[in-house]
Amino acid sequence: MTALIGMLPTIFLFVVSYMRMEGREPWPLTLPCAFGLTLFCYIVFDYLLALPWPRPLIGILYPELADIIPSIG
């Protein structure tokens, strides 16, 4: 999934799906956790460590999405 849509969207979708399916957590807990972890990963890996994001397939096919989702560019 990371190779297709990118690292940050995959992190968000994984946290949401895992918390809802395995943990049976309610939406008011699931969404803040997913947003928080995604934001944390973005800040740490993009700003603090300045690591390059792997280029996903969707970023190659639709480069204009890089303005919306940072890890696609």
Protein backbone atom coordinates (compact mmCIF):
# COMPACT_ATOMS: atom_id res chain seq x y z
CA MET A 1 0.00 0.00 0.00
CA THR A 2 2.91 2.32 0.72
CA ALA A 3 4.27 1.80 -2.79
CA LEU A 4 0.88 2.69 -4.25
CA ILE A 5 -0.38 5.68 -2.23
CA GLY A 6 2.56 6.81 -0.07
CA MET A 7 3.79 6.50 3.48
CA LEU A 8 1.61 9.07 5.28
CA PRO A 9 -1.74 7.99 3.83
CA THR A 10 -0.82 4.36 4.55
CA ILE A 11 -0.03 5.18 8.18
CA PHE A 12 -3.38 6.92 8.57
CA LEU A 13 -5.37 4.11 6.92
CA PHE A 14 -3.52 1.42 8.87
CA VAL A 15 -4.19 3.05 12.24
CA VAL A 16 -7.87 3.61 11.41
CA SER A 17 -8.42 0.09 10.11
CA TYR A 18 -6.51 -1.58 12.95
CA MET A 19 -8.22 0.39 15.71
CA ARG A 20 -11.69 -0.13 14.23
CA MET A 21 -11.40 -3.79 13.22
CA GLU A 22 -9.10 -5.29 15.86
CA GLY A 23 -9.60 -2.96 18.78
CA ARG A 24 -13.28 -2.14 18.18
CA GLU A 25 -12.49 1.41 19.29
CA PRO A 26 -15.05 4.20 18.76
CA TRP A 27 -14.56 6.84 16.06
CA PRO A 28 -13.94 9.68 18.58
CA LEU A 29 -10.83 7.80 19.75
CA THR A 30 -9.75 6.36 16.41
CA LEU A 31 -9.59 9.53 14.33
CA PRO A 32 -7.52 11.67 16.75
CA CYS A 33 -5.05 8.78 17.18
CA ALA A 34 -4.73 8.34 13.41
CA PHE A 35 -4.32 12.07 12.77
CA GLY A 36 -1.90 12.40 15.67
CA LEU A 37 0.38 9.56 14.58
CA THR A 38 0.34 10.74 10.96
CA LEU A 39 1.19 14.30 12.01
CA PHE A 40 3.90 13.03 14.36
CA CYS A 41 5.50 10.96 11.58
CA TYR A 42 5.31 13.91 9.19
CA ILE A 43 7.01 16.28 11.64
CA VAL A 44 9.72 13.83 12.71
CA PHE A 45 10.66 12.44 9.31
CA ASP A 46 10.10 15.54 7.17
CA TYR A 47 11.21 18.40 9.41
CA LEU A 48 13.47 17.02 12.12
CA LEU A 49 15.29 14.27 10.20
CA ALA A 50 14.75 15.71 6.70
CA LEU A 51 14.53 12.25 5.18
CA PRO A 52 13.25 11.93 1.61
CA TRP A 53 9.89 10.20 1.22
CA PRO A 54 9.75 7.16 -1.06
CA ARG A 55 8.06 8.02 -4.34
CA PRO A 56 4.72 6.17 -4.65
CA LEU A 57 3.16 5.03 -7.90
CA ILE A 58 0.27 7.48 -7.61
CA GLY A 59 2.78 10.34 -7.30
CA ILE A 60 4.39 9.31 -10.56
CA LEU A 61 1.03 9.04 -12.34
CA TYR A 62 -0.51 12.20 -10.79
CA PRO A 63 2.26 14.64 -9.78
CA GLU A 64 -0.26 17.41 -8.97
CA LEU A 65 -1.24 15.50 -5.80
CA ALA A 66 2.12 16.46 -4.29
CA ASP A 67 0.63 19.84 -3.35
CA ILE A 68 -2.04 18.10 -1.23
CA ILE A 69 -0.16 15.11 0.25
CA PRO A 70 3.49 15.86 1.13
CA SER A 71 4.76 12.28 0.96
CA ILE A 72 3.63 11.89 -2.67
CA GLY A 73 5.99 14.50 -4.10
